[in-house]
C-alpha atoms as a PDB file:
ATOM      1  CA  UNK A   1       1.597 208.390 194.332  1.00  0.00           C
ATOM      2  CA  UNK A   2       1.679 204.744 195.016  1.00  0.00           C
ATOM      3  CA  UNK A   3       5.001 202.483 194.526  1.00  0.00           C
ATOM      4  CA  UNK A   4       4.939 199.242 193.046  1.00  0.00           C
ATOM      5  CA  UNK A   5       7.039 196.938 195.221  1.00  0.00           C
ATOM      6  CA  UNK A   6       9.190 194.067 193.435  1.00  0.00           C
ATOM      7  CA  UNK A   7       9.612 190.745 195.143  1.00  0.00           C
ATOM      8  CA  UNK A   8      11.786 187.783 194.109  1.00  0.00           C
ATOM      9  CA  UNK A   9      10.444 184.004 194.593  1.00  0.00           C
ATOM     10  CA  UNK A  10      12.871 181.766 195.964  1.00  0.00           C
ATOM     11  CA  UNK A  11      11.668 178.057 194.762  1.00  0.00           C
ATOM     12  CA  UNK A  12      13.484 175.251 195.126  1.00  0.00           C
ATOM     13  CA  UNK A  13      15.257 173.047 192.474  1.00  0.00           C
ATOM     14  CA  UNK A  14      14.297 170.084 190.967  1.00  0.00           C
ATOM     15  CA  UNK A  15      15.987 167.458 188.976  1.00  0.00           C
ATOM     16  CA  UNK A  16      19.538 167.418 187.959  1.00  0.00           C
ATOM     17  CA  UNK A  17      20.826 170.953 187.141  1.00  0.00           C
ATOM     18  CA  UNK A  18      24.352 172.950 187.015  1.00  0.00           C
ATOM     19  CA  UNK A  19      25.119 175.169 190.067  1.00  0.00           C
ATOM     20  CA  UNK A  20      23.782 178.942 188.809  1.00  0.00           C
ATOM     21  CA  UNK A  21      27.463 180.320 188.742  1.00  0.00           C
ATOM     22  CA  UNK A  22      26.102 183.807 188.144  1.00  0.00           C
ATOM     23  CA  UNK A  23      23.856 183.785 191.131  1.00  0.00           C
ATOM     24  CA  UNK A  24      27.157 182.570 192.608  1.00  0.00           C
ATOM     25  CA  UNK A  25      29.140 185.651 191.495  1.00  0.00           C
ATOM     26  CA  UNK A  26      26.776 187.520 193.022  1.00  0.00           C
ATOM     27  CA  UNK A  27      27.762 186.605 196.370  1.00  0.00           C
ATOM     28  CA  UNK A  28      31.307 186.788 196.039  1.00  0.00           C
ATOM     29  CA  UNK A  29      31.725 188.851 198.903  1.00  0.00           C
ATOM     30  CA  UNK A  30      30.134 186.263 200.928  1.00  0.00           C
ATOM     31  CA  UNK A  31      32.590 184.028 199.730  1.00  0.00           C
ATOM     32  CA  UNK A  32      35.409 185.920 200.205  1.00  0.00           C
ATOM     33  CA  UNK A  33      34.503 186.224 203.924  1.00  0.00           C
ATOM     34  CA  UNK A  34      33.856 182.496 204.395  1.00  0.00           C
ATOM     35  CA  UNK A  35      37.293 181.875 202.869  1.00  0.00           C
ATOM     36  CA  UNK A  36      38.879 184.317 205.129  1.00  0.00           C
ATOM     37  CA  UNK A  37      37.053 183.193 208.224  1.00  0.00           C
ATOM     38  CA  UNK A  38      37.995 179.384 207.374  1.00  0.00           C
ATOM     39  CA  UNK A  39      41.516 180.522 207.244  1.00  0.00           C
ATOM     40  CA  UNK A  40      41.422 182.556 210.909  1.00  0.00           C
ATOM     41  CA  UNK A  41      40.165 179.606 212.307  1.00  0.00           C
ATOM     42  CA  UNK A  42      42.184 177.232 211.484  1.00  0.00           C
ATOM     43  CA  UNK A  43      45.035 179.268 212.964  1.00  0.00           C
ATOM     44  CA  UNK A  44      43.234 180.815 215.632  1.00  0.00           C
ATOM     45  CA  UNK A  45      44.601 180.372 219.035  1.00  0.00           C
ATOM     46  CA  UNK A  46      48.008 178.486 217.742  1.00  0.00           C
ATOM     47  CA  UNK A  47      51.691 179.482 218.854  1.00  0.00           C
ATOM     48  CA  UNK A  48      53.059 178.125 215.543  1.00  0.00           C
ATOM     49  CA  UNK A  49      50.249 179.244 213.457  1.00  0.00           C
ATOM     50  CA  UNK A  50      50.476 179.003 209.575  1.00  0.00           C
ATOM     51  CA  UNK A  51      54.042 177.106 210.489  1.00  0.00           C
ATOM     52  CA  UNK A  52      51.732 173.936 210.622  1.00  0.00           C
ATOM     53  CA  UNK A  53      51.201 174.256 206.892  1.00  0.00           C
ATOM     54  CA  UNK A  54      54.852 172.875 206.749  1.00  0.00           C
ATOM     55  CA  UNK A  55      55.526 170.908 209.990  1.00  0.00           C
ATOM     56  CA  UNK A  56      52.677 168.603 209.196  1.00  0.00           C
ATOM     57  CA  UNK A  57      53.464 167.402 205.805  1.00  0.00           C
ATOM     58  CA  UNK A  58      57.778 167.582 206.648  1.00  0.00           C
ATOM     59  CA  UNK A  59      57.268 165.360 209.735  1.00  0.00           C
ATOM     60  CA  UNK A  60      54.779 162.768 207.976  1.00  0.00           C
ATOM     61  CA  UNK A  61      57.226 162.480 205.139  1.00  0.00           C
ATOM     62  CA  UNK A  62      60.191 161.778 207.443  1.00  0.00           C
ATOM     63  CA  UNK A  63      58.238 159.449 209.000  1.00  0.00           C
ATOM     64  CA  UNK A  64      57.610 157.684 205.628  1.00  0.00           C
ATOM     65  CA  UNK A  65      61.252 158.146 204.724  1.00  0.00           C
ATOM     66  CA  UNK A  66      61.943 156.375 207.414  1.00  0.00           C
ATOM     67  CA  UNK A  67      59.297 153.430 207.485  1.00  0.00           C
ATOM     68  CA  UNK A  68      59.158 153.074 203.635  1.00  0.00           C
ATOM     69  CA  UNK A  69      62.348 154.332 201.989  1.00  0.00           C
ATOM     70  CA  UNK A  70      64.728 153.207 204.508  1.00  0.00           C
ATOM     71  CA  UNK A  71      63.078 150.057 206.382  1.00  0.00           C
ATOM     72  CA  UNK A  72      61.036 149.022 203.430  1.00  0.00           C
ATOM     73  CA  UNK A  73      63.157 150.000 200.992  1.00  0.00           C
ATOM     74  CA  UNK A  74      59.913 151.032 198.577  1.00  0.00           C
ATOM     75  CA  UNK A  75      61.902 151.832 195.154  1.00  0.00           C
ATOM     76  CA  UNK A  76      61.246 155.320 194.533  1.00  0.00           C
ATOM     77  CA  UNK A  77      62.505 155.650 190.674  1.00  0.00           C
ATOM     78  CA  UNK A  78      65.966 156.840 191.619  1.00  0.00           C
ATOM     79  CA  UNK A  79      64.683 159.629 193.488  1.00  0.00           C
ATOM     80  CA  UNK A  80      65.602 160.626 196.996  1.00  0.00           C
ATOM     81  CA  UNK A  81      62.875 158.784 198.719  1.00  0.00           C
ATOM     82  CA  UNK A  82      62.222 162.170 201.325  1.00  0.00           C
ATOM     83  CA  UNK A  83      61.862 164.272 197.740  1.00  0.00           C
ATOM     84  CA  UNK A  84      60.291 161.492 196.328  1.00  0.00           C
ATOM     85  CA  UNK A  85      57.593 161.167 199.137  1.00  0.00           C
ATOM     86  CA  UNK A  86      56.916 164.781 199.573  1.00  0.00           C
ATOM     87  CA  UNK A  87      56.273 165.813 196.121  1.00  0.00           C
ATOM     88  CA  UNK A  88      53.349 163.275 196.601  1.00  0.00           C
ATOM     89  CA  UNK A  89      52.122 164.372 200.030  1.00  0.00           C
ATOM     90  CA  UNK A  90      52.106 167.898 198.752  1.00  0.00           C
ATOM     91  CA  UNK A  91      48.904 167.646 196.524  1.00  0.00           C
ATOM     92  CA  UNK A  92      47.690 164.651 198.213  1.00  0.00           C
ATOM     93  CA  UNK A  93      47.396 166.702 201.513  1.00  0.00           C
ATOM     94  CA  UNK A  94      45.072 169.409 199.689  1.00  0.00           C
ATOM     95  CA  UNK A  95      42.863 166.776 198.264  1.00  0.00           C
ATOM     96  CA  UNK A  96      42.508 164.707 201.361  1.00  0.00           C
ATOM     97  CA  UNK A  97      41.892 168.331 203.708  1.00  0.00           C
ATOM     98  CA  UNK A  98      39.588 169.498 201.118  1.00  0.00           C
ATOM     99  CA  UNK A  99      37.549 166.541 201.795  1.00  0.00           C
ATOM    100  CA  UNK A 100      37.385 166.343 205.082  1.00  0.00           C
ATOM    101  CA  UNK A 101      36.688 170.228 205.587  1.00  0.00           C
ATOM    102  CA  UNK A 102      33.818 170.445 202.462  1.00  0.00           C
ATOM    103  CA  UNK A 103      32.266 167.045 203.850  1.00  0.00           C
ATOM    104  CA  UNK A 104      31.282 169.140 207.337  1.00  0.00           C
ATOM    105  CA  UNK A 105      31.016 173.055 206.127  1.00  0.00           C
ATOM    106  CA  UNK A 106      27.150 172.357 205.784  1.00  0.00           C
ATOM    107  CA  UNK A 107      26.825 170.542 208.924  1.00  0.00           C
ATOM    108  CA  UNK A 108      29.025 173.243 210.813  1.00  0.00           C
ATOM    109  CA  UNK A 109      27.102 176.406 209.187  1.00  0.00           C
ATOM    110  CA  UNK A 110      23.673 175.049 209.611  1.00  0.00           C
ATOM    111  CA  UNK A 111      22.335 177.886 212.092  1.00  0.00           C
ATOM    112  CA  UNK A 112      23.007 179.954 208.067  1.00  0.00           C
ATOM    113  CA  UNK A 113      21.303 177.410 206.140  1.00  0.00           C
ATOM    114  CA  UNK A 114      17.958 177.485 207.895  1.00  0.00           C
ATOM    115  CA  UNK A 115      18.235 181.314 208.573  1.00  0.00           C
ATOM    116  CA  UNK A 116      18.933 183.063 205.579  1.00  0.00           C
ATOM    117  CA  UNK A 117      19.231 182.252 201.736  1.00  0.00           C
ATOM    118  CA  UNK A 118      22.226 182.262 200.018  1.00  0.00           C
ATOM    119  CA  UNK A 119      23.984 179.594 197.355  1.00  0.00           C
ATOM    120  CA  UNK A 120      24.824 177.007 199.407  1.00  0.00           C
ATOM    121  CA  UNK A 121      27.388 176.163 197.152  1.00  0.00           C
ATOM    122  CA  UNK A 122      29.493 178.695 198.729  1.00  0.00           C
ATOM    123  CA  UNK A 123      29.655 176.979 202.002  1.00  0.00           C
ATOM    124  CA  UNK A 124      32.283 174.097 200.352  1.00  0.00           C
ATOM    125  CA  UNK A 125      33.501 176.505 198.096  1.00  0.00           C
ATOM    126  CA  UNK A 126      34.805 178.239 200.687  1.00  0.00           C
ATOM    127  CA  UNK A 127      36.253 175.663 202.542  1.00  0.00           C
ATOM    128  CA  UNK A 128      37.959 174.124 199.354  1.00  0.00           C
ATOM    129  CA  UNK A 129      39.542 177.492 198.905  1.00  0.00           C
ATOM    130  CA  UNK A 130      40.868 178.113 201.937  1.00  0.00           C
ATOM    131  CA  UNK A 131      42.779 175.029 202.138  1.00  0.00           C
ATOM    132  CA  UNK A 132      44.917 177.084 199.057  1.00  0.00           C
ATOM    133  CA  UNK A 133      46.993 178.969 201.423  1.00  0.00           C
ATOM    134  CA  UNK A 134      48.589 175.507 202.734  1.00  0.00           C
ATOM    135  CA  UNK A 135      49.201 174.233 199.371  1.00  0.00           C
ATOM    136  CA  UNK A 136      51.223 177.816 198.823  1.00  0.00           C
ATOM    137  CA  UNK A 137      53.025 177.175 201.941  1.00  0.00           C
ATOM    138  CA  UNK A 138      54.071 173.977 201.794  1.00  0.00           C
ATOM    139  CA  UNK A 139      55.310 174.818 198.195  1.00  0.00           C
ATOM    140  CA  UNK A 140      58.095 176.890 200.608  1.00  0.00           C
ATOM    141  CA  UNK A 141      59.489 173.209 201.518  1.00  0.00           C
ATOM    142  CA  UNK A 142      59.403 171.872 198.032  1.00  0.00           C
ATOM    143  CA  UNK A 143      62.002 175.001 196.820  1.00  0.00           C
ATOM    144  CA  UNK A 144      64.035 174.215 199.798  1.00  0.00           C
ATOM    145  CA  UNK A 145      63.893 170.481 198.862  1.00  0.00           C
ATOM    146  CA  UNK A 146      65.112 171.208 195.406  1.00  0.00           C
ATOM    147  CA  UNK A 147      67.850 173.333 196.486  1.00  0.00           C
ATOM    148  CA  UNK A 148      69.210 170.965 198.970  1.00  0.00           C
ATOM    149  CA  UNK A 149      69.020 167.917 196.489  1.00  0.00           C
ATOM    150  CA  UNK A 150      70.434 169.929 193.850  1.00  0.00           C
ATOM    151  CA  UNK A 151      67.754 169.003 191.518  1.00  0.00           C
ATOM    152  CA  UNK A 152      66.510 171.482 188.543  1.00  0.00           C
ATOM    153  CA  UNK A 153      62.991 171.102 187.147  1.00  0.00           C
ATOM    154  CA  UNK A 154      62.160 171.067 183.558  1.00  0.00           C
ATOM    155  CA  UNK A 155      59.480 172.126 180.939  1.00  0.00           C
ATOM    156  CA  UNK A 156      57.101 170.128 182.667  1.00  0.00           C
ATOM    157  CA  UNK A 157      56.786 173.093 185.515  1.00  0.00           C
ATOM    158  CA  UNK A 158      54.560 174.979 182.269  1.00  0.00           C
ATOM    159  CA  UNK A 159      51.530 172.267 183.063  1.00  0.00           C
ATOM    160  CA  UNK A 160      51.436 172.643 186.839  1.00  0.00           C
ATOM    161  CA  UNK A 161      48.435 174.743 186.422  1.00  0.00           C
ATOM    162  CA  UNK A 162      46.954 172.274 184.580  1.00  0.00           C
ATOM    163  CA  UNK A 163      47.607 169.739 187.141  1.00  0.00           C
ATOM    164  CA  UNK A 164      46.456 172.157 189.451  1.00  0.00           C
ATOM    165  CA  UNK A 165      43.231 172.557 187.819  1.00  0.00           C
ATOM    166  CA  UNK A 166      42.573 168.863 187.688  1.00  0.00           C
ATOM    167  CA  UNK A 167      43.358 169.071 191.481  1.00  0.00           C
ATOM    168  CA  UNK A 168      40.540 171.633 192.271  1.00  0.00           C
ATOM    169  CA  UNK A 169      37.961 169.564 189.913  1.00  0.00           C
ATOM    170  CA  UNK A 170      38.535 166.598 191.649  1.00  0.00           C
ATOM    171  CA  UNK A 171      38.381 168.294 195.101  1.00  0.00           C
ATOM    172  CA  UNK A 172      35.168 169.868 194.160  1.00  0.00           C
ATOM    173  CA  UNK A 173      33.548 167.068 192.613  1.00  0.00           C
ATOM    174  CA  UNK A 174      34.276 165.030 195.583  1.00  0.00           C
ATOM    175  CA  UNK A 175      33.785 167.444 198.000  1.00  0.00           C
ATOM    176  CA  UNK A 176      30.666 168.771 196.753  1.00  0.00           C
ATOM    177  CA  UNK A 177      29.220 165.094 196.835  1.00  0.00           C
ATOM    178  CA  UNK A 178      30.264 164.612 200.458  1.00  0.00           C
ATOM    179  CA  UNK A 179      28.957 167.785 202.009  1.00  0.00           C
ATOM    180  CA  UNK A 180      25.541 167.273 200.266  1.00  0.00           C
ATOM    181  CA  UNK A 181      25.542 163.131 201.280  1.00  0.00           C
ATOM    182  CA  UNK A 182      26.948 164.338 204.933  1.00  0.00           C
ATOM    183  CA  UNK A 183      23.690 166.475 205.547  1.00  0.00           C
ATOM    184  CA  UNK A 184      21.473 163.366 205.161  1.00  0.00           C
ATOM    185  CA  UNK A 185      23.515 160.572 205.824  1.00  0.00           C
ATOM    186  CA  UNK A 186      25.825 161.646 209.054  1.00  0.00           C
ATOM    187  CA  UNK A 187      27.671 158.205 208.916  1.00  0.00           C
ATOM    188  CA  UNK A 188      29.679 160.141 206.086  1.00  0.00           C
ATOM    189  CA  UNK A 189      31.696 162.694 208.489  1.00  0.00           C
ATOM    190  CA  UNK A 190      32.466 159.072 210.663  1.00  0.00           C
ATOM    191  CA  UNK A 191      33.584 157.358 207.851  1.00  0.00           C
ATOM    192  CA  UNK A 192      35.557 160.343 206.152  1.00  0.00           C
ATOM    193  CA  UNK A 193      38.856 159.499 208.316  1.00  0.00           C
ATOM    194  CA  UNK A 194      38.987 156.124 207.686  1.00  0.00           C
ATOM    195  CA  UNK A 195      37.880 156.359 204.006  1.00  0.00           C
ATOM    196  CA  UNK A 196      40.885 158.967 203.296  1.00  0.00           C
ATOM    197  CA  UNK A 197      43.422 156.921 205.021  1.00  0.00           C
ATOM    198  CA  UNK A 198      42.467 154.022 202.723  1.00  0.00           C
ATOM    199  CA  UNK A 199      42.407 156.146 199.706  1.00  0.00           C
ATOM    200  CA  UNK A 200      46.310 157.453 200.642  1.00  0.00           C
ATOM    201  CA  UNK A 201      47.445 153.790 199.624  1.00  0.00           C
ATOM    202  CA  UNK A 202      45.256 153.804 196.299  1.00  0.00           C
ATOM    203  CA  UNK A 203      47.480 157.055 195.228  1.00  0.00           C
ATOM    204  CA  UNK A 204      51.257 156.539 194.374  1.00  0.00           C
ATOM    205  CA  UNK A 205      51.831 158.683 197.508  1.00  0.00           C
ATOM    206  CA  UNK A 206      54.771 156.290 199.052  1.00  0.00           C
ATOM    207  CA  UNK A 207      55.232 154.071 196.196  1.00  0.00           C
ATOM    208  CA  UNK A 208      55.729 154.875 192.085  1.00  0.00           C
ATOM    209  CA  UNK A 209      53.170 153.951 189.945  1.00  0.00           C
ATOM    210  CA  UNK A 210      55.477 151.860 187.898  1.00  0.00           C
ATOM    211  CA  UNK A 211      55.088 149.426 191.105  1.00  0.00           C
ATOM    212  CA  UNK A 212      51.731 148.406 190.267  1.00  0.00           C
ATOM    213  CA  UNK A 213      51.348 145.624 188.062  1.00  0.00           C
ATOM    214  CA  UNK A 214      50.814 146.380 184.233  1.00  0.00           C
ATOM    215  CA  UNK A 215      47.556 144.507 184.325  1.00  0.00           C
ATOM    216  CA  UNK A 216      45.988 146.377 186.829  1.00  0.00           C
ATOM    217  CA  UNK A 217      47.499 149.859 185.703  1.00  0.00           C
ATOM    218  CA  UNK A 218      44.566 150.254 182.867  1.00  0.00           C
ATOM    219  CA  UNK A 219      42.092 150.858 186.036  1.00  0.00           C
ATOM    220  CA  UNK A 220      44.729 152.511 188.345  1.00  0.00           C
ATOM    221  CA  UNK A 221      45.349 155.363 186.527  1.00  0.00           C
ATOM    222  CA  UNK A 222      41.217 156.413 186.415  1.00  0.00           C
ATOM    223  CA  UNK A 223      42.440 157.455 189.996  1.00  0.00           C
ATOM    224  CA  UNK A 224      42.849 161.395 189.450  1.00  0.00           C
ATOM    225  CA  UNK A 225      45.251 161.395 192.073  1.00  0.00           C
ATOM    226  CA  UNK A 226      47.664 159.288 190.124  1.00  0.00           C
ATOM    227  CA  UNK A 227      47.956 161.792 187.320  1.00  0.00           C
ATOM    228  CA  UNK A 228      48.181 164.583 189.371  1.00  0.00           C
ATOM    229  CA  UNK A 229      50.713 163.033 191.794  1.00  0.00           C
ATOM    230  CA  UNK A 230      52.809 161.707 189.279  1.00  0.00           C
ATOM    231  CA  UNK A 231      52.310 165.413 186.755  1.00  0.00           C
ATOM    232  CA  UNK A 232      53.785 166.867 190.065  1.00  0.00           C
ATOM    233  CA  UNK A 233      57.026 165.007 190.502  1.00  0.00           C
ATOM    234  CA  UNK A 234      57.618 165.041 186.463  1.00  0.00           C
ATOM    235  CA  UNK A 235      57.315 168.687 186.750  1.00  0.00           C
ATOM    236  CA  UNK A 236      59.737 169.261 189.217  1.00  0.00           C
ATOM    237  CA  UNK A 237      62.031 166.549 188.655  1.00  0.00           C
ATOM    238  CA  UNK A 238      62.737 167.655 185.239  1.00  0.00           C
ATOM    239  CA  UNK A 239      61.267 164.407 183.543  1.00  0.00           C
ATOM    240  CA  UNK A 240      58.739 163.681 180.600  1.00  0.00           C
ATOM    241  CA  UNK A 241      55.347 164.622 181.697  1.00  0.00           C
ATOM    242  CA  UNK A 242      53.267 161.091 182.032  1.00  0.00           C
ATOM    243  CA  UNK A 243      50.200 161.614 179.702  1.00  0.00           C
ATOM    244  CA  UNK A 244      49.349 158.567 179.996  1.00  0.00           C
ATOM    245  CA  UNK A 245      48.727 158.387 183.410  1.00  0.00           C
ATOM    246  CA  UNK A 246      47.525 162.118 183.588  1.00  0.00           C
ATOM    247  CA  UNK A 247      44.252 162.157 180.521  1.00  0.00           C
ATOM    248  CA  UNK A 248      42.681 159.512 181.988  1.00  0.00           C
ATOM    249  CA  UNK A 249      42.643 161.026 185.788  1.00  0.00           C
ATOM    250  CA  UNK A 250      41.489 164.036 183.776  1.00  0.00           C
ATOM    251  CA  UNK A 251      38.202 162.713 182.218  1.00  0.00           C
ATOM    252  CA  UNK A 252      37.265 161.111 185.823  1.00  0.00           C
ATOM    253  CA  UNK A 253      38.073 164.989 187.099  1.00  0.00           C
ATOM    254  CA  UNK A 254      35.739 166.471 184.759  1.00  0.00           C
ATOM    255  CA  UNK A 255      33.168 163.591 185.454  1.00  0.00           C
ATOM    256  CA  UNK A 256      33.181 164.174 189.196  1.00  0.00           C
ATOM    257  CA  UNK A 257      32.948 167.753 189.132  1.00  0.00           C
ATOM    258  CA  UNK A 258      30.391 167.764 187.198  1.00  0.00           C
ATOM    259  CA  UNK A 259      28.472 165.250 188.783  1.00  0.00           C
ATOM    260  CA  UNK A 260      29.341 166.688 192.180  1.00  0.00           C
ATOM    261  CA  UNK A 261      27.767 170.228 191.333  1.00  0.00           C
ATOM    262  CA  UNK A 262      24.301 168.154 189.660  1.00  0.00           C
ATOM    263  CA  UNK A 263      23.856 166.168 192.978  1.00  0.00           C
ATOM    264  CA  UNK A 264      24.918 169.040 195.475  1.00  0.00           C
ATOM    265  CA  UNK A 265      22.213 170.728 193.146  1.00  0.00           C
ATOM    266  CA  UNK A 266      19.565 168.117 193.209  1.00  0.00           C
ATOM    267  CA  UNK A 267      20.127 167.674 197.364  1.00  0.00           C
ATOM    268  CA  UNK A 268      20.011 171.451 197.776  1.00  0.00           C
ATOM    269  CA  UNK A 269      16.370 172.339 198.447  1.00  0.00           C
ATOM    270  CA  UNK A 270      16.587 169.664 201.419  1.00  0.00           C
ATOM    271  CA  UNK A 271      19.418 171.114 203.199  1.00  0.00           C
ATOM    272  CA  UNK A 272      16.879 173.390 205.363  1.00  0.00           C
ATOM    273  CA  UNK A 273      15.235 170.615 206.728  1.00  0.00           C
ATOM    274  CA  UNK A 274      17.677 167.959 208.014  1.00  0.00           C
ATOM    275  CA  UNK A 275      20.252 170.295 208.522  1.00  0.00           C
END
């Protein structure tokens, strides 16, 4: 008896569409493997291993403390400058790191894209998830600083998951957009390092948001990282949550996330041709 064969026809997407989350879930094992591979590759043949996730932001914080805290006398709202800057560098390093990792994810895995089908979203998503380990490890330094400076966090810690969601949405949105652009425009890879350095000073990492002139703050708070950073500081320093800085950035983060998904989906059909 002749058996019927079933075929699935894979057609390129067209127009602006959202990501097929059901399909993405079917490839969860691939996502797990690529995330694990990214973590292992980052610390392969490294003497200090995951300790770099602590050393790098800690030394950057010390440099900022000397230059901006001691020499430039930047106002830190009465908070020890080392703690002030580290609580900002913690989420910022994750954001900036995910931009670089995700922007290069498609180019670095061009062989996979041209040889086998899978949801291309898996590549930038695995890069972003693999950086979460660094984010969690860096939390150890936060605990140490809180104990050293005898600072007690407040009820704002309950809102920390919301801030992390905003951080992830912003990272995913911008990361998906850059990864899709980097395949077609290789200039993105070269310009990204410079752009990330500029963006550092567009967020309240080395200074407080209150230092920004009032007439510019209505535009400044549209930066999603402003609300995230000030929210992190408020949560761990026992201060009232600055919702007036958080909610505008949340709206922008959602817009970036949706646009990133749709733009990635639109560009996905040409990845194999230009990768």
